[in-house]
Amino acid sequence: MGHLLGVNDLTNEQVRELMTLARRLKEGEEVRVRGRAVLFFAEPSTRTRLSFEAGARRAGLEVQTVNAHESSAVKGESFYDTLRTLEALGADFTVFRVPFVLWPYGEVTGVKSALINAGDGTREHPTQALVDLFTLLERLGSVEGLRVLFVGDVKYSRVFRSERVLLERFGARVGVCGPATLIPRGLEGVELFYELDEALGWADAVVWLRLQRERQKEKEVPSLSSYFKLFGLTRERYKRVKLFLHPGPVNANVDVEEELIYAPKSLVAEQVRNGPFVRAALFALLKSW
């Protein structure tokens, strides 16, 4: 049984297999995986946690959820010891979300239960990248040659770090646009924009990213209103967008104008609907990988 700690843990063939199974599950096919999935969440979550719960149940797994503030982590137990404890209590899969960067992986890869990264600090969020890829493939059929623009808080976005790699592996071109303070250095091979109107003319699809104020160590944008004016999805900009995604949660009237979150060009609701199918497929396939 394998782990999914980052998107590069999957080969392209495995990703294709996962996309195919997720599509079949969405069309009504059933899959049954024996065992128990434990969700250990040390950061708040609505979509990802509930999506994993629904996906695990769809796959036939018993599900238990542990919040960090209710666990022995508050007493000083290490993350590794928590994983070993959950394994000893019968976890076949451990899904975790943690506020720190899990790199290098080190000793955690020695845990026998399958580990699934539901977000580690600012490093990766591989299953959200898989959900977004599935959503784009469902709508467009292929991402080969697709120009995908990420707008906003690129610096702190684990979604961007996973999704960029996955999209490029399947032939998409990636661009970023945001304040200079929120664009990380060293983005080789990525189209770089600081003017959103110019970037929208380049893009076939846009992923708006949440402004992660809780991760910012200093004031990296002058104000929320100025950020929205320069980089938010307004009604005027909406006219130029072909389709857009947002991994959520959306900061209404900061990332995206509230009335546009579920507008016709939005794939936001579809991203949420697709989550359980992609994650159920992952539970099923990790058993054989």
C-alpha atoms as a PDB file:
ATOM      1  CA  MET A   1       0.000   0.000   0.000  1.00  0.00           C
ATOM      2  CA  GLY A   2       1.367   3.412  -0.940  1.00  0.00           C
ATOM      3  CA  HIS A   3       1.242   6.920   0.486  1.00  0.00           C
ATOM      4  CA  LEU A   4       0.132  10.174  -1.123  1.00  0.00           C
ATOM      5  CA  LEU A   5       2.259  12.890   0.463  1.00  0.00           C
ATOM      6  CA  GLY A   6       2.758  14.945  -2.710  1.00  0.00           C
ATOM      7  CA  VAL A   7       1.624  14.822  -6.334  1.00  0.00           C
ATOM      8  CA  ASN A   8       4.947  13.385  -7.444  1.00  0.00           C
ATOM      9  CA  ASP A   9       4.141  10.242  -5.484  1.00  0.00           C
ATOM     10  CA  LEU A  10       1.820   9.432  -8.399  1.00  0.00           C
ATOM     11  CA  THR A  11       2.888   8.490 -11.905  1.00  0.00           C
ATOM     12  CA  ASN A  12       0.969   9.901 -14.865  1.00  0.00           C
ATOM     13  CA  GLU A  13      -0.529   6.464 -15.449  1.00  0.00           C
ATOM     14  CA  GLN A  14      -1.769   6.323 -11.848  1.00  0.00           C
ATOM     15  CA  VAL A  15      -3.324   9.780 -12.207  1.00  0.00           C
ATOM     16  CA  ARG A  16      -5.114   8.659 -15.383  1.00  0.00           C
ATOM     17  CA  GLU A  17      -6.338   5.519 -13.608  1.00  0.00           C
ATOM     18  CA  LEU A  18      -7.642   7.645 -10.739  1.00  0.00           C
ATOM     19  CA  MET A  19      -9.421  10.061 -13.106  1.00  0.00           C
ATOM     20  CA  THR A  20     -11.088   7.144 -14.882  1.00  0.00           C
ATOM     21  CA  LEU A  21     -12.304   5.515 -11.668  1.00  0.00           C
ATOM     22  CA  ALA A  22     -13.546   8.840 -10.272  1.00  0.00           C
ATOM     23  CA  ARG A  23     -15.580   9.374 -13.440  1.00  0.00           C
ATOM     24  CA  ARG A  24     -17.086   5.893 -13.179  1.00  0.00           C
ATOM     25  CA  LEU A  25     -17.969   6.491  -9.523  1.00  0.00           C
ATOM     26  CA  LYS A  26     -19.672   9.749 -10.434  1.00  0.00           C
ATOM     27  CA  GLU A  27     -21.657   7.866 -13.070  1.00  0.00           C
ATOM     28  CA  GLY A  28     -22.949   5.490 -10.401  1.00  0.00           C
ATOM     29  CA  GLU A  29     -20.439   2.633 -10.210  1.00  0.00           C
ATOM     30  CA  GLU A  30     -19.732   1.318  -6.717  1.00  0.00           C
ATOM     31  CA  VAL A  31     -16.455   0.308  -5.124  1.00  0.00           C
ATOM     32  CA  ARG A  32     -15.892  -1.457  -1.826  1.00  0.00           C
ATOM     33  CA  VAL A  33     -12.680  -1.161   0.194  1.00  0.00           C
ATOM     34  CA  ARG A  34     -12.426  -2.884   3.543  1.00  0.00           C
ATOM     35  CA  GLY A  35     -10.865  -1.103   6.468  1.00  0.00           C
ATOM     36  CA  ARG A  36     -10.839   2.081   8.488  1.00  0.00           C
ATOM     37  CA  ALA A  37      -9.942   5.641   7.521  1.00  0.00           C
ATOM     38  CA  VAL A  38      -8.923   8.043  10.285  1.00  0.00           C
ATOM     39  CA  LEU A  39      -8.926  11.764   9.561  1.00  0.00           C
ATOM     40  CA  PHE A  40      -6.492  13.781  11.711  1.00  0.00           C
ATOM     41  CA  PHE A  41      -7.079  17.491  11.155  1.00  0.00           C
ATOM     42  CA  ALA A  42      -4.899  20.030  12.960  1.00  0.00           C
ATOM     43  CA  GLU A  43      -6.249  22.948  10.895  1.00  0.00           C
ATOM     44  CA  PRO A  44      -9.842  24.059  10.254  1.00  0.00           C
ATOM     45  CA  SER A  45     -11.547  22.555   7.226  1.00  0.00           C
ATOM     46  CA  THR A  46     -15.040  22.216   5.814  1.00  0.00           C
ATOM     47  CA  ARG A  47     -14.727  21.071   2.203  1.00  0.00           C
ATOM     48  CA  THR A  48     -11.692  18.827   2.442  1.00  0.00           C
ATOM     49  CA  ARG A  49     -12.658  17.106   5.676  1.00  0.00           C
ATOM     50  CA  LEU A  50     -16.286  16.456   4.709  1.00  0.00           C
ATOM     51  CA  SER A  51     -15.188  15.430   1.212  1.00  0.00           C
ATOM     52  CA  PHE A  52     -12.791  12.851   2.648  1.00  0.00           C
ATOM     53  CA  GLU A  53     -15.484  11.579   5.013  1.00  0.00           C
ATOM     54  CA  ALA A  54     -17.971  11.237   2.152  1.00  0.00           C
ATOM     55  CA  GLY A  55     -15.356   9.676  -0.111  1.00  0.00           C
ATOM     56  CA  ALA A  56     -14.312   7.144   2.508  1.00  0.00           C
ATOM     57  CA  ARG A  57     -17.913   6.103   3.133  1.00  0.00           C
ATOM     58  CA  ARG A  58     -18.543   5.885  -0.607  1.00  0.00           C
ATOM     59  CA  ALA A  59     -15.564   3.523  -0.786  1.00  0.00           C
ATOM     60  CA  GLY A  60     -17.047   1.375   1.986  1.00  0.00           C
ATOM     61  CA  LEU A  61     -14.622   2.371   4.730  1.00  0.00           C
ATOM     62  CA  GLU A  62     -15.333   2.927   8.397  1.00  0.00           C
ATOM     63  CA  VAL A  63     -14.522   6.575   9.186  1.00  0.00           C
ATOM     64  CA  GLN A  64     -13.256   8.270  12.339  1.00  0.00           C
ATOM     65  CA  THR A  65     -12.283  11.939  12.673  1.00  0.00           C
ATOM     66  CA  VAL A  66      -9.815  13.317  15.212  1.00  0.00           C
ATOM     67  CA  ASN A  67      -9.321  17.052  15.699  1.00  0.00           C
ATOM     68  CA  ALA A  68      -5.876  18.007  16.969  1.00  0.00           C
ATOM     69  CA  HIS A  69      -7.222  20.096  19.856  1.00  0.00           C
ATOM     70  CA  GLU A  70      -9.000  16.953  21.125  1.00  0.00           C
ATOM     71  CA  SER A  71      -5.948  14.704  20.730  1.00  0.00           C
ATOM     72  CA  SER A  72      -2.754  14.054  22.663  1.00  0.00           C
ATOM     73  CA  ALA A  73      -1.008  16.525  20.365  1.00  0.00           C
ATOM     74  CA  VAL A  74      -2.006  19.224  22.857  1.00  0.00           C
ATOM     75  CA  LYS A  75      -0.081  17.270  25.507  1.00  0.00           C
ATOM     76  CA  GLY A  76       3.089  17.230  23.453  1.00  0.00           C
ATOM     77  CA  GLU A  77       2.736  14.016  21.453  1.00  0.00           C
ATOM     78  CA  SER A  78       4.711  14.246  18.216  1.00  0.00           C
ATOM     79  CA  PHE A  79       3.066  13.936  14.812  1.00  0.00           C
ATOM     80  CA  TYR A  80       4.976  10.704  14.165  1.00  0.00           C
ATOM     81  CA  ASP A  81       3.806   9.200  17.468  1.00  0.00           C
ATOM     82  CA  THR A  82       0.242  10.217  16.630  1.00  0.00           C
ATOM     83  CA  LEU A  83       0.507   8.398  13.300  1.00  0.00           C
ATOM     84  CA  ARG A  84       1.900   5.286  14.986  1.00  0.00           C
ATOM     85  CA  THR A  85      -0.884   5.405  17.590  1.00  0.00           C
ATOM     86  CA  LEU A  86      -3.586   5.645  14.913  1.00  0.00           C
ATOM     87  CA  GLU A  87      -1.945   2.761  13.064  1.00  0.00           C
ATOM     88  CA  ALA A  88      -1.906   0.635  16.236  1.00  0.00           C
ATOM     89  CA  LEU A  89      -5.605   1.388  16.734  1.00  0.00           C
ATOM     90  CA  GLY A  90      -6.423  -0.052  13.337  1.00  0.00           C
ATOM     91  CA  ALA A  91      -6.172   2.791  10.836  1.00  0.00           C
ATOM     92  CA  ASP A  92      -5.689   1.441   7.314  1.00  0.00           C
ATOM     93  CA  PHE A  93      -5.650   4.993   5.954  1.00  0.00           C
ATOM     94  CA  THR A  94      -4.626   8.135   7.833  1.00  0.00           C
ATOM     95  CA  VAL A  95      -5.644  11.421   6.238  1.00  0.00           C
ATOM     96  CA  PHE A  96      -3.919  14.391   7.829  1.00  0.00           C
ATOM     97  CA  ARG A  97      -3.937  18.166   7.653  1.00  0.00           C
ATOM     98  CA  VAL A  98      -1.200  19.943   9.604  1.00  0.00           C
ATOM     99  CA  PRO A  99      -0.020  23.572   9.875  1.00  0.00           C
ATOM    100  CA  PHE A 100       3.645  22.705   9.351  1.00  0.00           C
ATOM    101  CA  VAL A 101       5.551  21.656   6.235  1.00  0.00           C
ATOM    102  CA  LEU A 102       6.056  17.891   6.171  1.00  0.00           C
ATOM    103  CA  TRP A 103       9.444  17.898   4.476  1.00  0.00           C
ATOM    104  CA  PRO A 104      11.620  15.952   4.426  1.00  0.00           C
ATOM    105  CA  TYR A 105       9.246  13.040   4.981  1.00  0.00           C
ATOM    106  CA  GLY A 106      11.731  11.169   7.149  1.00  0.00           C
ATOM    107  CA  GLU A 107      10.366   8.590   9.521  1.00  0.00           C
ATOM    108  CA  VAL A 108       6.676   9.057   8.706  1.00  0.00           C
ATOM    109  CA  THR A 109       7.044   6.967   5.534  1.00  0.00           C
ATOM    110  CA  GLY A 110       7.744   3.987   7.782  1.00  0.00           C
ATOM    111  CA  VAL A 111       4.149   4.048   9.013  1.00  0.00           C
ATOM    112  CA  LYS A 112       2.322   1.018   7.596  1.00  0.00           C
ATOM    113  CA  SER A 113      -1.106   2.615   7.195  1.00  0.00           C
ATOM    114  CA  ALA A 114      -1.519   4.564   3.955  1.00  0.00           C
ATOM    115  CA  LEU A 115      -0.892   8.272   4.575  1.00  0.00           C
ATOM    116  CA  ILE A 116      -2.823  10.882   2.589  1.00  0.00           C
ATOM    117  CA  ASN A 117      -1.799  14.516   2.750  1.00  0.00           C
ATOM    118  CA  ALA A 118      -4.841  16.806   3.036  1.00  0.00           C
ATOM    119  CA  GLY A 119      -2.591  19.878   3.293  1.00  0.00           C
ATOM    120  CA  ASP A 120       0.724  20.418   5.050  1.00  0.00           C
ATOM    121  CA  GLY A 121       1.541  24.040   5.818  1.00  0.00           C
ATOM    122  CA  THR A 122       2.255  25.934   2.616  1.00  0.00           C
ATOM    123  CA  ARG A 123       3.839  22.973   0.808  1.00  0.00           C
ATOM    124  CA  GLU A 124       1.274  20.693  -0.835  1.00  0.00           C
ATOM    125  CA  HIS A 125      -2.414  19.805  -1.142  1.00  0.00           C
ATOM    126  CA  PRO A 126      -2.268  16.919  -3.625  1.00  0.00           C
ATOM    127  CA  THR A 127      -5.891  15.798  -3.480  1.00  0.00           C
ATOM    128  CA  GLN A 128      -7.196  19.297  -4.226  1.00  0.00           C
ATOM    129  CA  ALA A 129      -4.936  19.350  -7.272  1.00  0.00           C
ATOM    130  CA  LEU A 130      -6.423  16.020  -8.353  1.00  0.00           C
ATOM    131  CA  VAL A 131      -9.966  17.315  -7.818  1.00  0.00           C
ATOM    132  CA  ASP A 132      -9.252  20.428  -9.879  1.00  0.00           C
ATOM    133  CA  LEU A 133      -7.651  18.389 -12.661  1.00  0.00           C
ATOM    134  CA  PHE A 134     -10.685  16.104 -12.713  1.00  0.00           C
ATOM    135  CA  THR A 135     -13.003  19.122 -12.853  1.00  0.00           C
ATOM    136  CA  LEU A 136     -11.108  20.660 -15.778  1.00  0.00           C
ATOM    137  CA  LEU A 137     -10.966  17.346 -17.650  1.00  0.00           C
ATOM    138  CA  GLU A 138     -14.683  16.834 -17.105  1.00  0.00           C
ATOM    139  CA  ARG A 139     -15.446  20.248 -18.572  1.00  0.00           C
ATOM    140  CA  LEU A 140     -12.803  20.442 -21.333  1.00  0.00           C
ATOM    141  CA  GLY A 141     -11.774  16.870 -22.086  1.00  0.00           C
ATOM    142  CA  SER A 142      -8.044  17.680 -21.970  1.00  0.00           C
ATOM    143  CA  VAL A 143      -5.647  20.180 -20.424  1.00  0.00           C
ATOM    144  CA  GLU A 144      -3.012  19.760 -23.137  1.00  0.00           C
ATOM    145  CA  GLY A 145      -1.961  23.298 -24.143  1.00  0.00           C
ATOM    146  CA  LEU A 146      -4.454  24.880 -21.722  1.00  0.00           C
ATOM    147  CA  ARG A 147      -3.266  28.187 -20.237  1.00  0.00           C
ATOM    148  CA  VAL A 148      -4.146  28.166 -16.537  1.00  0.00           C
ATOM    149  CA  LEU A 149      -3.681  31.362 -14.531  1.00  0.00           C
ATOM    150  CA  PHE A 150      -3.389  31.389 -10.728  1.00  0.00           C
ATOM    151  CA  VAL A 151      -4.379  34.742  -9.228  1.00  0.00           C
ATOM    152  CA  GLY A 152      -3.670  36.122  -5.783  1.00  0.00           C
ATOM    153  CA  ASP A 153      -1.793  34.660  -2.850  1.00  0.00           C
ATOM    154  CA  VAL A 154       0.584  32.347  -4.711  1.00  0.00           C
ATOM    155  CA  LYS A 155       3.266  32.605  -2.027  1.00  0.00           C
ATOM    156  CA  TYR A 156       1.331  30.760   0.665  1.00  0.00           C
ATOM    157  CA  SER A 157      -0.773  28.493  -1.564  1.00  0.00           C
ATOM    158  CA  ARG A 158      -0.209  24.759  -1.162  1.00  0.00           C
ATOM    159  CA  VAL A 159      -2.896  24.260  -3.813  1.00  0.00           C
ATOM    160  CA  PHE A 160      -0.759  26.137  -6.349  1.00  0.00           C
ATOM    161  CA  ARG A 161       2.348  24.109  -5.495  1.00  0.00           C
ATOM    162  CA  SER A 162       0.583  20.803  -6.090  1.00  0.00           C
ATOM    163  CA  GLU A 163      -1.589  21.896  -8.981  1.00  0.00           C
ATOM    164  CA  ARG A 164       1.162  23.572 -10.971  1.00  0.00           C
ATOM    165  CA  VAL A 165       3.183  20.352 -11.053  1.00  0.00           C
ATOM    166  CA  LEU A 166       0.197  18.231 -12.007  1.00  0.00           C
ATOM    167  CA  LEU A 167      -1.033  20.574 -14.740  1.00  0.00           C
ATOM    168  CA  GLU A 168       2.415  20.896 -16.306  1.00  0.00           C
ATOM    169  CA  ARG A 169       2.854  17.122 -16.325  1.00  0.00           C
ATOM    170  CA  PHE A 170      -0.304  16.856 -18.438  1.00  0.00           C
ATOM    171  CA  GLY A 171       0.690  19.551 -20.898  1.00  0.00           C
ATOM    172  CA  ALA A 172      -0.888  22.717 -19.524  1.00  0.00           C
ATOM    173  CA  ARG A 173       0.888  26.063 -19.367  1.00  0.00           C
ATOM    174  CA  VAL A 174       0.805  27.849 -16.017  1.00  0.00           C
ATOM    175  CA  GLY A 175       0.804  31.554 -15.225  1.00  0.00           C
ATOM    176  CA  VAL A 176       0.603  33.537 -12.000  1.00  0.00           C
ATOM    177  CA  CYS A 177      -0.614  37.025 -11.187  1.00  0.00           C
ATOM    178  CA  GLY A 178      -0.685  38.860  -7.891  1.00  0.00           C
ATOM    179  CA  PRO A 179       1.035  41.459  -5.744  1.00  0.00           C
ATOM    180  CA  ALA A 180       4.834  41.287  -5.927  1.00  0.00           C
ATOM    181  CA  THR A 181       4.856  40.534  -2.189  1.00  0.00           C
ATOM    182  CA  LEU A 182       2.800  37.381  -2.760  1.00  0.00           C
ATOM    183  CA  ILE A 183       4.667  35.936  -5.756  1.00  0.00           C
ATOM    184  CA  PRO A 184       7.482  33.607  -4.658  1.00  0.00           C
ATOM    185  CA  ARG A 185      10.881  33.765  -6.295  1.00  0.00           C
ATOM    186  CA  GLY A 186      12.270  31.121  -8.587  1.00  0.00           C
ATOM    187  CA  LEU A 187       9.132  30.234 -10.559  1.00  0.00           C
ATOM    188  CA  GLU A 188      10.978  29.017 -13.633  1.00  0.00           C
ATOM    189  CA  GLY A 189       8.823  28.089 -16.603  1.00  0.00           C
ATOM    190  CA  VAL A 190       5.813  30.008 -15.300  1.00  0.00           C
ATOM    191  CA  GLU A 191       4.299  33.028 -17.051  1.00  0.00           C
ATOM    192  CA  LEU A 192       4.540  35.938 -14.632  1.00  0.00           C
ATOM    193  CA  PHE A 193       2.035  38.824 -14.592  1.00  0.00           C
ATOM    194  CA  TYR A 194       1.564  41.742 -12.226  1.00  0.00           C
ATOM    195  CA  GLU A 195      -1.354  43.323 -14.126  1.00  0.00           C
ATOM    196  CA  LEU A 196      -4.503  41.224 -13.943  1.00  0.00           C
ATOM    197  CA  ASP A 197      -6.170  42.637 -17.038  1.00  0.00           C
ATOM    198  CA  GLU A 198      -3.143  41.599 -19.118  1.00  0.00           C
ATOM    199  CA  ALA A 199      -3.109  38.165 -17.515  1.00  0.00           C
ATOM    200  CA  LEU A 200      -6.800  37.541 -18.243  1.00  0.00           C
ATOM    201  CA  GLY A 201      -6.112  38.071 -21.934  1.00  0.00           C
ATOM    202  CA  TRP A 202      -3.598  35.222 -21.763  1.00  0.00           C
ATOM    203  CA  ALA A 203      -5.620  32.724 -19.729  1.00  0.00           C
ATOM    204  CA  ASP A 204      -8.010  29.975 -20.811  1.00  0.00           C
ATOM    205  CA  ALA A 205      -8.930  29.158 -17.209  1.00  0.00           C
ATOM    206  CA  VAL A 206      -8.315  31.070 -13.975  1.00  0.00           C
ATOM    207  CA  VAL A 207      -7.839  29.730 -10.463  1.00  0.00           C
ATOM    208  CA  TRP A 208      -8.464  32.437  -7.884  1.00  0.00           C
ATOM    209  CA  LEU A 209      -6.608  31.747  -4.657  1.00  0.00           C
ATOM    210  CA  ARG A 210      -7.641  32.737  -1.151  1.00  0.00           C
ATOM    211  CA  LEU A 211      -5.754  35.582   0.478  1.00  0.00           C
ATOM    212  CA  GLN A 212      -4.292  33.677   3.449  1.00  0.00           C
ATOM    213  CA  ARG A 213      -3.990  36.409   6.044  1.00  0.00           C
ATOM    214  CA  GLU A 214      -3.474  33.865   8.832  1.00  0.00           C
ATOM    215  CA  ARG A 215      -0.146  32.787   7.263  1.00  0.00           C
ATOM    216  CA  GLN A 216       1.215  36.251   6.538  1.00  0.00           C
ATOM    217  CA  LYS A 217       3.894  37.239   9.015  1.00  0.00           C
ATOM    218  CA  GLU A 218       3.673  40.899   8.088  1.00  0.00           C
ATOM    219  CA  LYS A 219       1.290  43.145   6.183  1.00  0.00           C
ATOM    220  CA  GLU A 220       1.855  42.056   2.596  1.00  0.00           C
ATOM    221  CA  VAL A 221      -1.042  43.957   0.988  1.00  0.00           C
ATOM    222  CA  PRO A 222      -1.972  47.575   1.811  1.00  0.00           C
ATOM    223  CA  SER A 223      -5.670  46.803   2.392  1.00  0.00           C
ATOM    224  CA  LEU A 224      -8.337  44.293   1.436  1.00  0.00           C
ATOM    225  CA  SER A 225     -10.167  46.860  -0.645  1.00  0.00           C
ATOM    226  CA  SER A 226      -7.062  47.749  -2.668  1.00  0.00           C
ATOM    227  CA  TYR A 227      -6.254  44.054  -3.147  1.00  0.00           C
ATOM    228  CA  PHE A 228      -9.751  43.374  -4.471  1.00  0.00           C
ATOM    229  CA  LYS A 229      -9.590  46.359  -6.787  1.00  0.00           C
ATOM    230  CA  LEU A 230      -6.319  45.139  -8.338  1.00  0.00           C
ATOM    231  CA  PHE A 231      -6.647  41.344  -8.220  1.00  0.00           C
ATOM    232  CA  GLY A 232     -10.214  40.370  -7.373  1.00  0.00           C
ATOM    233  CA  LEU A 233     -12.806  38.957  -9.759  1.00  0.00           C
ATOM    234  CA  THR A 234     -15.184  41.842 -10.350  1.00  0.00           C
ATOM    235  CA  ARG A 235     -18.238  41.945 -12.594  1.00  0.00           C
ATOM    236  CA  GLU A 236     -16.235  43.843 -15.207  1.00  0.00           C
ATOM    237  CA  ARG A 237     -13.411  41.270 -15.209  1.00  0.00           C
ATOM    238  CA  TYR A 238     -15.922  38.428 -15.243  1.00  0.00           C
ATOM    239  CA  LYS A 239     -16.849  39.415 -18.809  1.00  0.00           C
ATOM    240  CA  ARG A 240     -13.310  38.502 -19.941  1.00  0.00           C
ATOM    241  CA  VAL A 241     -13.032  35.202 -18.065  1.00  0.00           C
ATOM    242  CA  LYS A 242     -13.795  31.952 -19.901  1.00  0.00           C
ATOM    243  CA  LEU A 243     -14.153  29.869 -16.746  1.00  0.00           C
ATOM    244  CA  PHE A 244     -12.757  30.016 -13.228  1.00  0.00           C
ATOM    245  CA  LEU A 245     -12.111  27.858 -10.203  1.00  0.00           C
ATOM    246  CA  HIS A 246     -11.446  28.531  -6.522  1.00  0.00           C
ATOM    247  CA  PRO A 247     -10.310  25.806  -4.087  1.00  0.00           C
ATOM    248  CA  GLY A 248     -12.184  27.514  -1.246  1.00  0.00           C
ATOM    249  CA  PRO A 249     -13.012  28.888   1.126  1.00  0.00           C
ATOM    250  CA  VAL A 250     -13.697  32.043  -0.874  1.00  0.00           C
ATOM    251  CA  ASN A 251     -13.086  35.418   0.736  1.00  0.00           C
ATOM    252  CA  ALA A 252     -16.160  37.104  -0.696  1.00  0.00           C
ATOM    253  CA  ASN A 253     -15.441  40.572  -2.106  1.00  0.00           C
ATOM    254  CA  VAL A 254     -11.721  40.007  -1.550  1.00  0.00           C
ATOM    255  CA  ASP A 255     -10.904  37.142  -3.913  1.00  0.00           C
ATOM    256  CA  VAL A 256     -14.184  37.057  -5.839  1.00  0.00           C
ATOM    257  CA  GLU A 257     -17.193  39.360  -5.847  1.00  0.00           C
ATOM    258  CA  GLU A 258     -19.872  37.630  -3.805  1.00  0.00           C
ATOM    259  CA  GLU A 259     -22.491  37.558  -6.579  1.00  0.00           C
ATOM    260  CA  LEU A 260     -20.054  35.784  -8.912  1.00  0.00           C
ATOM    261  CA  ILE A 261     -18.957  32.866  -6.743  1.00  0.00           C
ATOM    262  CA  TYR A 262     -21.547  30.531  -8.308  1.00  0.00           C
ATOM    263  CA  ALA A 263     -22.034  32.385 -11.598  1.00  0.00           C
ATOM    264  CA  PRO A 264     -22.353  30.411 -14.879  1.00  0.00           C
ATOM    265  CA  LYS A 265     -18.607  30.548 -15.630  1.00  0.00           C
ATOM    266  CA  SER A 266     -17.757  29.301 -12.133  1.00  0.00           C
ATOM    267  CA  LEU A 267     -16.634  25.713 -11.441  1.00  0.00           C
ATOM    268  CA  VAL A 268     -16.544  26.282  -7.671  1.00  0.00           C
ATOM    269  CA  ALA A 269     -19.600  24.171  -6.846  1.00  0.00           C
ATOM    270  CA  GLU A 270     -18.469  21.454  -9.242  1.00  0.00           C
ATOM    271  CA  GLN A 271     -15.084  21.294  -7.523  1.00  0.00           C
ATOM    272  CA  VAL A 272     -16.874  20.597  -4.240  1.00  0.00           C
ATOM    273  CA  ARG A 273     -19.213  18.009  -5.807  1.00  0.00           C
ATOM    274  CA  ASN A 274     -16.288  16.186  -7.422  1.00  0.00           C
ATOM    275  CA  GLY A 275     -14.246  15.944  -4.237  1.00  0.00           C
ATOM    276  CA  PRO A 276     -15.819  12.786  -2.752  1.00  0.00           C
ATOM    277  CA  PHE A 277     -15.585  10.871  -6.051  1.00  0.00           C
ATOM    278  CA  VAL A 278     -11.896  11.670  -6.533  1.00  0.00           C
ATOM    279  CA  ARG A 279     -11.068  10.849  -2.934  1.00  0.00           C
ATOM    280  CA  ALA A 280     -13.105   7.628  -2.979  1.00  0.00           C
ATOM    281  CA  ALA A 281     -11.156   6.590  -6.074  1.00  0.00           C
ATOM    282  CA  LEU A 282      -7.919   7.367  -4.238  1.00  0.00           C
ATOM    283  CA  PHE A 283      -8.866   5.164  -1.271  1.00  0.00           C
ATOM    284  CA  ALA A 284      -9.667   2.319  -3.657  1.00  0.00           C
ATOM    285  CA  LEU A 285      -6.512   2.593  -5.725  1.00  0.00           C
ATOM    286  CA  LEU A 286      -3.997   3.172  -2.927  1.00  0.00           C
ATOM    287  CA  LYS A 287      -4.745  -0.378  -1.825  1.00  0.00           C
ATOM    288  CA  SER A 288      -3.240  -1.727  -5.050  1.00  0.00           C
ATOM    289  CA  TRP A 289      -0.430   0.760  -5.677  1.00  0.00           C
END
